[in-house]
């Protein structure tokens, strides 16, 4: 939940190639922390994006550089535990 980018590209590829781990990365709407640090760091796992409308998307990878950029994901409020909890409750799983 709400993790920043944590490794370089080689680390991400090595982690994602592990067959004994199924990793999902939960992102609440435009949580800015999930877009940092931006240069030379990468996310691992499969992103689950929770949207304000109560829907969520599960993507195999980030759809575009823009949607993962801190200029697109600008909300510090979307990073709070309370905001994540409310977003999860809103979703129709």
PDB file of N, CA and C in Angstrom:
ATOM      1  N   UNK A   1       0.835  -1.192   0.000  1.00  0.00           N
ATOM      2  CA  UNK A   1       0.000   0.000   0.000  1.00  0.00           C
ATOM      3  C   UNK A   1       0.873   1.246   0.000  1.00  0.00           C
ATOM      4  N   UNK A   2       0.611   2.150  -0.940  1.00  0.00           N
ATOM      5  CA  UNK A   2       1.184   3.504  -0.921  1.00  0.00           C
ATOM      6  C   UNK A   2       2.703   3.567  -0.966  1.00  0.00           C
ATOM      7  N   UNK A   3       3.346   2.601  -1.584  1.00  0.00           N
ATOM      8  CA  UNK A   3       4.810   2.581  -1.546  1.00  0.00           C
ATOM      9  C   UNK A   3       5.439   3.492  -2.598  1.00  0.00           C
ATOM     10  N   UNK A   4       6.554   4.119  -2.243  1.00  0.00           N
ATOM     11  CA  UNK A   4       7.313   4.866  -3.239  1.00  0.00           C
ATOM     12  C   UNK A   4       8.085   3.885  -4.126  1.00  0.00           C
ATOM     13  N   UNK A   5       8.735   4.417  -5.136  1.00  0.00           N
ATOM     14  CA  UNK A   5       9.617   3.573  -5.957  1.00  0.00           C
ATOM     15  C   UNK A   5      10.822   3.207  -5.102  1.00  0.00           C
ATOM     16  N   UNK A   6      11.280   1.947  -5.221  1.00  0.00           N
ATOM     17  CA  UNK A   6      12.294   1.504  -4.264  1.00  0.00           C
ATOM     18  C   UNK A   6      13.564   0.907  -4.858  1.00  0.00           C
ATOM     19  N   UNK A   7      13.633   0.686  -6.147  1.00  0.00           N
ATOM     20  CA  UNK A   7      14.834   0.074  -6.699  1.00  0.00           C
ATOM     21  C   UNK A   7      15.113   0.513  -8.122  1.00  0.00           C
ATOM     22  N   UNK A   8      16.330   0.188  -8.590  1.00  0.00           N
ATOM     23  CA  UNK A   8      16.648   0.522  -9.977  1.00  0.00           C
ATOM     24  C   UNK A   8      16.013  -0.504 -10.922  1.00  0.00           C
ATOM     25  N   UNK A   9      16.197  -0.326 -12.216  1.00  0.00           N
ATOM     26  CA  UNK A   9      15.539  -1.179 -13.203  1.00  0.00           C
ATOM     27  C   UNK A   9      15.962  -2.644 -13.072  1.00  0.00           C
ATOM     28  N   UNK A  10      17.243  -2.889 -12.838  1.00  0.00           N
ATOM     29  CA  UNK A  10      17.731  -4.269 -12.702  1.00  0.00           C
ATOM     30  C   UNK A  10      17.113  -4.939 -11.476  1.00  0.00           C
ATOM     31  N   UNK A  11      17.001  -4.210 -10.376  1.00  0.00           N
ATOM     32  CA  UNK A  11      16.396  -4.753  -9.160  1.00  0.00           C
ATOM     33  C   UNK A  11      14.930  -5.087  -9.401  1.00  0.00           C
ATOM     34  N   UNK A  12      14.207  -4.185 -10.054  1.00  0.00           N
ATOM     35  CA  UNK A  12      12.798  -4.404 -10.370  1.00  0.00           C
ATOM     36  C   UNK A  12      12.616  -5.659 -11.219  1.00  0.00           C
ATOM     37  N   UNK A  13      13.419  -5.800 -12.254  1.00  0.00           N
ATOM     38  CA  UNK A  13      13.300  -6.957 -13.145  1.00  0.00           C
ATOM     39  C   UNK A  13      13.612  -8.260 -12.406  1.00  0.00           C
ATOM     40  N   UNK A  14      14.624  -8.239 -11.544  1.00  0.00           N
ATOM     41  CA  UNK A  14      14.971  -9.424 -10.763  1.00  0.00           C
ATOM     42  C   UNK A  14      13.834  -9.788  -9.811  1.00  0.00           C
ATOM     43  N   UNK A  15      13.295  -8.797  -9.119  1.00  0.00           N
ATOM     44  CA  UNK A  15      12.201  -9.030  -8.181  1.00  0.00           C
ATOM     45  C   UNK A  15      10.965  -9.570  -8.909  1.00  0.00           C
ATOM     46  N   UNK A  16      10.602  -8.947 -10.015  1.00  0.00           N
ATOM     47  CA  UNK A  16       9.413  -9.376 -10.762  1.00  0.00           C
ATOM     48  C   UNK A  16       9.572 -10.752 -11.394  1.00  0.00           C
ATOM     49  N   UNK A  17      10.804 -11.222 -11.545  1.00  0.00           N
ATOM     50  CA  UNK A  17      11.023 -12.542 -12.144  1.00  0.00           C
ATOM     51  C   UNK A  17      10.906 -13.676 -11.120  1.00  0.00           C
ATOM     52  N   UNK A  18      10.834 -13.340  -9.830  1.00  0.00           N
ATOM     53  CA  UNK A  18      10.714 -14.371  -8.800  1.00  0.00           C
ATOM     54  C   UNK A  18       9.372 -15.099  -8.926  1.00  0.00           C
ATOM     55  N   UNK A  19       9.427 -16.422  -8.975  1.00  0.00           N
ATOM     56  CA  UNK A  19       8.199 -17.192  -9.185  1.00  0.00           C
ATOM     57  C   UNK A  19       7.449 -17.488  -7.891  1.00  0.00           C
ATOM     58  N   UNK A  20       8.065 -17.254  -6.753  1.00  0.00           N
ATOM     59  CA  UNK A  20       7.419 -17.583  -5.484  1.00  0.00           C
ATOM     60  C   UNK A  20       6.766 -16.377  -4.803  1.00  0.00           C
ATOM     61  N   UNK A  21       6.647 -15.239  -5.518  1.00  0.00           N
ATOM     62  CA  UNK A  21       6.046 -14.036  -4.952  1.00  0.00           C
ATOM     63  C   UNK A  21       4.999 -13.484  -5.917  1.00  0.00           C
ATOM     64  N   UNK A  22       3.819 -13.214  -5.399  1.00  0.00           N
ATOM     65  CA  UNK A  22       2.760 -12.519  -6.155  1.00  0.00           C
ATOM     66  C   UNK A  22       2.567 -11.174  -5.462  1.00  0.00           C
ATOM     67  N   UNK A  23       3.043 -10.119  -6.087  1.00  0.00           N
ATOM     68  CA  UNK A  23       3.092  -8.798  -5.456  1.00  0.00           C
ATOM     69  C   UNK A  23       2.109  -7.851  -6.151  1.00  0.00           C
ATOM     70  N   UNK A  24       1.189  -7.275  -5.378  1.00  0.00           N
ATOM     71  CA  UNK A  24       0.270  -6.254  -5.878  1.00  0.00           C
ATOM     72  C   UNK A  24       0.572  -4.950  -5.159  1.00  0.00           C
ATOM     73  N   UNK A  25       0.637  -3.875  -5.919  1.00  0.00           N
ATOM     74  CA  UNK A  25       0.958  -2.549  -5.376  1.00  0.00           C
ATOM     75  C   UNK A  25      -0.310  -1.700  -5.426  1.00  0.00           C
ATOM     76  N   UNK A  26      -0.851  -1.341  -4.262  1.00  0.00           N
ATOM     77  CA  UNK A  26      -2.098  -0.591  -4.164  1.00  0.00           C
ATOM     78  C   UNK A  26      -1.791   0.908  -4.173  1.00  0.00           C
ATOM     79  N   UNK A  27      -2.446   1.631  -5.099  1.00  0.00           N
ATOM     80  CA  UNK A  27      -2.255   3.072  -5.247  1.00  0.00           C
ATOM     81  C   UNK A  27      -3.614   3.755  -5.172  1.00  0.00           C
ATOM     82  N   UNK A  28      -3.762   4.700  -4.261  1.00  0.00           N
ATOM     83  CA  UNK A  28      -5.001   5.450  -4.100  1.00  0.00           C
ATOM     84  C   UNK A  28      -4.987   6.683  -4.986  1.00  0.00           C
ATOM     85  N   UNK A  29      -5.789   6.669  -6.022  1.00  0.00           N
ATOM     86  CA  UNK A  29      -6.018   7.797  -6.911  1.00  0.00           C
ATOM     87  C   UNK A  29      -4.726   8.506  -7.320  1.00  0.00           C
ATOM     88  N   UNK A  30      -4.467   9.694  -6.795  1.00  0.00           N
ATOM     89  CA  UNK A  30      -3.294  10.480  -7.212  1.00  0.00           C
ATOM     90  C   UNK A  30      -2.294  10.673  -6.075  1.00  0.00           C
ATOM     91  N   UNK A  31      -2.038   9.601  -5.343  1.00  0.00           N
ATOM     92  CA  UNK A  31      -1.097   9.628  -4.217  1.00  0.00           C
ATOM     93  C   UNK A  31       0.301   9.984  -4.712  1.00  0.00           C
ATOM     94  N   UNK A  32       0.801  11.145  -4.309  1.00  0.00           N
ATOM     95  CA  UNK A  32       2.085  11.650  -4.785  1.00  0.00           C
ATOM     96  C   UNK A  32       3.262  10.783  -4.326  1.00  0.00           C
ATOM     97  N   UNK A  33       3.171  10.165  -3.169  1.00  0.00           N
ATOM     98  CA  UNK A  33       4.284   9.359  -2.662  1.00  0.00           C
ATOM     99  C   UNK A  33       4.569   8.180  -3.583  1.00  0.00           C
ATOM    100  N   UNK A  34       3.544   7.653  -4.236  1.00  0.00           N
ATOM    101  CA  UNK A  34       3.752   6.526  -5.150  1.00  0.00           C
ATOM    102  C   UNK A  34       4.466   6.940  -6.436  1.00  0.00           C
ATOM    103  N   UNK A  35       4.628   8.226  -6.648  1.00  0.00           N
ATOM    104  CA  UNK A  35       5.308   8.727  -7.848  1.00  0.00           C
ATOM    105  C   UNK A  35       6.727   9.202  -7.551  1.00  0.00           C
ATOM    106  N   UNK A  36       7.218   8.953  -6.350  1.00  0.00           N
ATOM    107  CA  UNK A  36       8.552   9.420  -5.974  1.00  0.00           C
ATOM    108  C   UNK A  36       9.424   8.244  -5.536  1.00  0.00           C
ATOM    109  N   UNK A  37      10.759   8.359  -5.531  1.00  0.00           N
ATOM    110  CA  UNK A  37      11.489   9.302  -6.373  1.00  0.00           C
ATOM    111  C   UNK A  37      11.315   8.915  -7.843  1.00  0.00           C
ATOM    112  N   UNK A  38      11.356   9.875  -8.713  1.00  0.00           N
ATOM    113  CA  UNK A  38      10.977   9.647 -10.105  1.00  0.00           C
ATOM    114  C   UNK A  38      12.140   9.178 -10.987  1.00  0.00           C
ATOM    115  N   UNK A  39      13.307   9.721 -10.789  1.00  0.00           N
ATOM    116  CA  UNK A  39      14.431   9.430 -11.683  1.00  0.00           C
ATOM    117  C   UNK A  39      15.235   8.232 -11.171  1.00  0.00           C
ATOM    118  N   UNK A  40      15.428   7.238 -12.035  1.00  0.00           N
ATOM    119  CA  UNK A  40      16.237   6.035 -11.803  1.00  0.00           C
ATOM    120  C   UNK A  40      15.666   5.060 -10.773  1.00  0.00           C
ATOM    121  N   UNK A  41      14.433   5.248 -10.359  1.00  0.00           N
ATOM    122  CA  UNK A  41      13.782   4.300  -9.450  1.00  0.00           C
ATOM    123  C   UNK A  41      12.551   3.732 -10.133  1.00  0.00           C
ATOM    124  N   UNK A  42      12.213   2.492  -9.797  1.00  0.00           N
ATOM    125  CA  UNK A  42      11.100   1.801 -10.438  1.00  0.00           C
ATOM    126  C   UNK A  42      10.246   1.083  -9.409  1.00  0.00           C
ATOM    127  N   UNK A  43       8.979   0.883  -9.764  1.00  0.00           N
ATOM    128  CA  UNK A  43       8.075   0.073  -8.949  1.00  0.00           C
ATOM    129  C   UNK A  43       8.225  -1.385  -9.324  1.00  0.00           C
ATOM    130  N   UNK A  44       7.904  -2.251  -8.409  1.00  0.00           N
ATOM    131  CA  UNK A  44       7.825  -3.671  -8.715  1.00  0.00           C
ATOM    132  C   UNK A  44       6.388  -4.127  -8.452  1.00  0.00           C
ATOM    133  N   UNK A  45       6.059  -5.301  -8.931  1.00  0.00           N
ATOM    134  CA  UNK A  45       4.720  -5.838  -8.725  1.00  0.00           C
ATOM    135  C   UNK A  45       3.707  -5.318  -9.722  1.00  0.00           C
ATOM    136  N   UNK A  46       2.467  -5.723  -9.512  1.00  0.00           N
ATOM    137  CA  UNK A  46       1.362  -5.338 -10.391  1.00  0.00           C
ATOM    138  C   UNK A  46       0.561  -4.223  -9.724  1.00  0.00           C
ATOM    139  N   UNK A  47       0.372  -3.092 -10.421  1.00  0.00           N
ATOM    140  CA  UNK A  47      -0.341  -1.981  -9.797  1.00  0.00           C
ATOM    141  C   UNK A  47      -1.860  -2.189  -9.774  1.00  0.00           C
ATOM    142  N   UNK A  48      -2.446  -1.927  -8.618  1.00  0.00           N
ATOM    143  CA  UNK A  48      -3.895  -1.865  -8.467  1.00  0.00           C
ATOM    144  C   UNK A  48      -4.196  -0.408  -8.155  1.00  0.00           C
ATOM    145  N   UNK A  49      -4.853   0.270  -9.083  1.00  0.00           N
ATOM    146  CA  UNK A  49      -5.138   1.691  -8.924  1.00  0.00           C
ATOM    147  C   UNK A  49      -6.589   1.874  -8.501  1.00  0.00           C
ATOM    148  N   UNK A  50      -6.792   2.527  -7.357  1.00  0.00           N
ATOM    149  CA  UNK A  50      -8.132   2.806  -6.846  1.00  0.00           C
ATOM    150  C   UNK A  50      -8.498   4.224  -7.270  1.00  0.00           C
ATOM    151  N   UNK A  51      -9.619   4.354  -7.958  1.00  0.00           N
ATOM    152  CA  UNK A  51     -10.050   5.646  -8.488  1.00  0.00           C
ATOM    153  C   UNK A  51     -11.124   6.271  -7.602  1.00  0.00           C
ATOM    154  N   UNK A  52     -11.288   7.575  -7.704  1.00  0.00           N
ATOM    155  CA  UNK A  52     -12.262   8.304  -6.886  1.00  0.00           C
ATOM    156  C   UNK A  52     -13.695   7.828  -7.093  1.00  0.00           C
ATOM    157  N   UNK A  53     -14.007   7.299  -8.262  1.00  0.00           N
ATOM    158  CA  UNK A  53     -15.375   6.878  -8.563  1.00  0.00           C
ATOM    159  C   UNK A  53     -15.735   5.522  -7.952  1.00  0.00           C
ATOM    160  N   UNK A  54     -14.853   4.958  -7.139  1.00  0.00           N
ATOM    161  CA  UNK A  54     -15.134   3.682  -6.491  1.00  0.00           C
ATOM    162  C   UNK A  54     -14.738   2.476  -7.324  1.00  0.00           C
ATOM    163  N   UNK A  55     -14.125   2.707  -8.456  1.00  0.00           N
ATOM    164  CA  UNK A  55     -13.664   1.611  -9.310  1.00  0.00           C
ATOM    165  C   UNK A  55     -12.168   1.436  -9.123  1.00  0.00           C
ATOM    166  N   UNK A  56     -11.677   0.293  -9.547  1.00  0.00           N
ATOM    167  CA  UNK A  56     -10.241   0.049  -9.493  1.00  0.00           C
ATOM    168  C   UNK A  56      -9.808  -0.622 -10.783  1.00  0.00           C
ATOM    169  N   UNK A  57      -8.536  -0.491 -11.085  1.00  0.00           N
ATOM    170  CA  UNK A  57      -7.971  -1.160 -12.251  1.00  0.00           C
ATOM    171  C   UNK A  57      -6.765  -1.965 -11.818  1.00  0.00           C
ATOM    172  N   UNK A  58      -6.608  -3.108 -12.417  1.00  0.00           N
ATOM    173  CA  UNK A  58      -5.443  -3.960 -12.187  1.00  0.00           C
ATOM    174  C   UNK A  58      -4.707  -4.046 -13.509  1.00  0.00           C
ATOM    175  N   UNK A  59      -3.518  -3.480 -13.545  1.00  0.00           N
ATOM    176  CA  UNK A  59      -2.724  -3.459 -14.770  1.00  0.00           C
ATOM    177  C   UNK A  59      -1.495  -4.325 -14.589  1.00  0.00           C
ATOM    178  N   UNK A  60      -1.017  -4.900 -15.673  1.00  0.00           N
ATOM    179  CA  UNK A  60       0.213  -5.684 -15.608  1.00  0.00           C
ATOM    180  C   UNK A  60       1.428  -4.781 -15.473  1.00  0.00           C
ATOM    181  N   UNK A  61       1.293  -3.531 -15.915  1.00  0.00           N
ATOM    182  CA  UNK A  61       2.383  -2.560 -15.815  1.00  0.00           C
ATOM    183  C   UNK A  61       1.781  -1.166 -15.840  1.00  0.00           C
ATOM    184  N   UNK A  62       2.583  -0.174 -15.537  1.00  0.00           N
ATOM    185  CA  UNK A  62       2.115   1.206 -15.629  1.00  0.00           C
ATOM    186  C   UNK A  62       1.735   1.487 -17.082  1.00  0.00           C
ATOM    187  N   UNK A  63       0.633   2.186 -17.289  1.00  0.00           N
ATOM    188  CA  UNK A  63       0.164   2.409 -18.647  1.00  0.00           C
ATOM    189  C   UNK A  63       0.980   3.449 -19.406  1.00  0.00           C
ATOM    190  N   UNK A  64       1.473   4.452 -18.728  1.00  0.00           N
ATOM    191  CA  UNK A  64       2.287   5.457 -19.409  1.00  0.00           C
ATOM    192  C   UNK A  64       3.184   6.158 -18.388  1.00  0.00           C
ATOM    193  N   UNK A  65       4.222   6.793 -18.876  1.00  0.00           N
ATOM    194  CA  UNK A  65       5.116   7.513 -17.980  1.00  0.00           C
ATOM    195  C   UNK A  65       4.366   8.650 -17.301  1.00  0.00           C
ATOM    196  N   UNK A  66       3.408   9.263 -18.002  1.00  0.00           N
ATOM    197  CA  UNK A  66       2.680  10.410 -17.463  1.00  0.00           C
ATOM    198  C   UNK A  66       1.830  10.019 -16.252  1.00  0.00           C
ATOM    199  N   UNK A  67       1.140   8.874 -16.314  1.00  0.00           N
ATOM    200  CA  UNK A  67       0.273   8.448 -15.213  1.00  0.00           C
ATOM    201  C   UNK A  67       1.085   8.052 -13.979  1.00  0.00           C
ATOM    202  N   UNK A  68       2.364   7.787 -14.130  1.00  0.00           N
ATOM    203  CA  UNK A  68       3.210   7.470 -12.987  1.00  0.00           C
ATOM    204  C   UNK A  68       4.042   8.643 -12.509  1.00  0.00           C
ATOM    205  N   UNK A  69       3.871   9.777 -13.142  1.00  0.00           N
ATOM    206  CA  UNK A  69       4.686  10.967 -12.866  1.00  0.00           C
ATOM    207  C   UNK A  69       4.113  11.772 -11.695  1.00  0.00           C
ATOM    208  N   UNK A  70       4.997  12.377 -10.901  1.00  0.00           N
ATOM    209  CA  UNK A  70       4.552  13.190  -9.771  1.00  0.00           C
ATOM    210  C   UNK A  70       3.804  14.443 -10.220  1.00  0.00           C
ATOM    211  N   UNK A  71       3.903  14.829 -11.480  1.00  0.00           N
ATOM    212  CA  UNK A  71       3.115  15.963 -11.987  1.00  0.00           C
ATOM    213  C   UNK A  71       1.653  15.559 -12.204  1.00  0.00           C
ATOM    214  N   UNK A  72       1.413  14.272 -12.450  1.00  0.00           N
ATOM    215  CA  UNK A  72       0.052  13.747 -12.590  1.00  0.00           C
ATOM    216  C   UNK A  72      -0.496  13.326 -11.230  1.00  0.00           C
ATOM    217  N   UNK A  73       0.350  12.685 -10.445  1.00  0.00           N
ATOM    218  CA  UNK A  73      -0.036  12.241  -9.096  1.00  0.00           C
ATOM    219  C   UNK A  73       0.459  13.286  -8.111  1.00  0.00           C
ATOM    220  N   UNK A  74      -0.385  14.206  -7.772  1.00  0.00           N
ATOM    221  CA  UNK A  74       0.026  15.374  -7.023  1.00  0.00           C
ATOM    222  C   UNK A  74      -0.594  15.485  -5.632  1.00  0.00           C
ATOM    223  N   UNK A  75      -1.426  14.556  -5.193  1.00  0.00           N
ATOM    224  CA  UNK A  75      -2.187  14.726  -3.958  1.00  0.00           C
ATOM    225  C   UNK A  75      -1.526  14.055  -2.748  1.00  0.00           C
ATOM    226  N   UNK A  76      -1.113  14.851  -1.780  1.00  0.00           N
ATOM    227  CA  UNK A  76      -0.606  14.293  -0.531  1.00  0.00           C
ATOM    228  C   UNK A  76      -1.763  13.757   0.305  1.00  0.00           C
ATOM    229  N   UNK A  77      -2.962  14.311   0.141  1.00  0.00           N
ATOM    230  CA  UNK A  77      -4.136  13.832   0.887  1.00  0.00           C
ATOM    231  C   UNK A  77      -4.490  12.399   0.527  1.00  0.00           C
ATOM    232  N   UNK A  78      -4.251  11.997  -0.709  1.00  0.00           N
ATOM    233  CA  UNK A  78      -4.546  10.626  -1.137  1.00  0.00           C
ATOM    234  C   UNK A  78      -3.578   9.618  -0.519  1.00  0.00           C
ATOM    235  N   UNK A  79      -2.551  10.094   0.172  1.00  0.00           N
ATOM    236  CA  UNK A  79      -1.576   9.206   0.798  1.00  0.00           C
ATOM    237  C   UNK A  79      -1.951   8.813   2.231  1.00  0.00           C
ATOM    238  N   UNK A  80      -2.887   9.488   2.845  1.00  0.00           N
ATOM    239  CA  UNK A  80      -3.209   9.208   4.246  1.00  0.00           C
ATOM    240  C   UNK A  80      -3.867   7.833   4.408  1.00  0.00           C
ATOM    241  N   UNK A  81      -3.664   7.226   5.558  1.00  0.00           N
ATOM    242  CA  UNK A  81      -4.273   5.917   5.854  1.00  0.00           C
ATOM    243  C   UNK A  81      -5.791   6.001   5.786  1.00  0.00           C
ATOM    244  N   UNK A  82      -6.345   7.093   6.297  1.00  0.00           N
ATOM    245  CA  UNK A  82      -7.792   7.278   6.277  1.00  0.00           C
ATOM    246  C   UNK A  82      -8.316   7.331   4.838  1.00  0.00           C
ATOM    247  N   UNK A  83      -7.592   8.017   3.978  1.00  0.00           N
ATOM    248  CA  UNK A  83      -7.990   8.115   2.577  1.00  0.00           C
ATOM    249  C   UNK A  83      -7.931   6.746   1.886  1.00  0.00           C
ATOM    250  N   UNK A  84      -6.890   5.966   2.164  1.00  0.00           N
ATOM    251  CA  UNK A  84      -6.800   4.610   1.606  1.00  0.00           C
ATOM    252  C   UNK A  84      -7.948   3.743   2.104  1.00  0.00           C
ATOM    253  N   UNK A  85      -8.245   3.831   3.400  1.00  0.00           N
ATOM    254  CA  UNK A  85      -9.324   3.028   3.972  1.00  0.00           C
ATOM    255  C   UNK A  85     -10.665   3.380   3.308  1.00  0.00           C
ATOM    256  N   UNK A  86     -10.973   4.667   3.216  1.00  0.00           N
ATOM    257  CA  UNK A  86     -12.236   5.094   2.600  1.00  0.00           C
ATOM    258  C   UNK A  86     -12.315   4.661   1.139  1.00  0.00           C
ATOM    259  N   UNK A  87     -11.206   4.749   0.429  1.00  0.00           N
ATOM    260  CA  UNK A  87     -11.189   4.336  -0.987  1.00  0.00           C
ATOM    261  C   UNK A  87     -11.422   2.833  -1.114  1.00  0.00           C
ATOM    262  N   UNK A  88     -10.816   2.047  -0.243  1.00  0.00           N
ATOM    263  CA  UNK A  88     -11.011   0.593  -0.282  1.00  0.00           C
ATOM    264  C   UNK A  88     -12.448   0.216   0.031  1.00  0.00           C
ATOM    265  N   UNK A  89     -13.068   0.909   0.964  1.00  0.00           N
ATOM    266  CA  UNK A  89     -14.461   0.641   1.318  1.00  0.00           C
ATOM    267  C   UNK A  89     -15.383   0.982   0.147  1.00  0.00           C
ATOM    268  N   UNK A  90     -15.087   2.077  -0.575  1.00  0.00           N
ATOM    269  CA  UNK A  90     -15.904   2.495  -1.720  1.00  0.00           C
ATOM    270  C   UNK A  90     -15.875   1.507  -2.879  1.00  0.00           C
ATOM    271  N   UNK A  91     -14.783   0.784  -3.032  1.00  0.00           N
ATOM    272  CA  UNK A  91     -14.620  -0.109  -4.188  1.00  0.00           C
ATOM    273  C   UNK A  91     -15.581  -1.282  -4.143  1.00  0.00           C
ATOM    274  N   UNK A  92     -16.064  -1.632  -5.308  1.00  0.00           N
ATOM    275  CA  UNK A  92     -16.914  -2.808  -5.479  1.00  0.00           C
ATOM    276  C   UNK A  92     -16.011  -3.964  -5.900  1.00  0.00           C
ATOM    277  N   UNK A  93     -15.457  -4.667  -4.929  1.00  0.00           N
ATOM    278  CA  UNK A  93     -14.524  -5.749  -5.199  1.00  0.00           C
ATOM    279  C   UNK A  93     -15.257  -6.949  -5.706  1.00  0.00           C
TER     280      UNK A  93
END
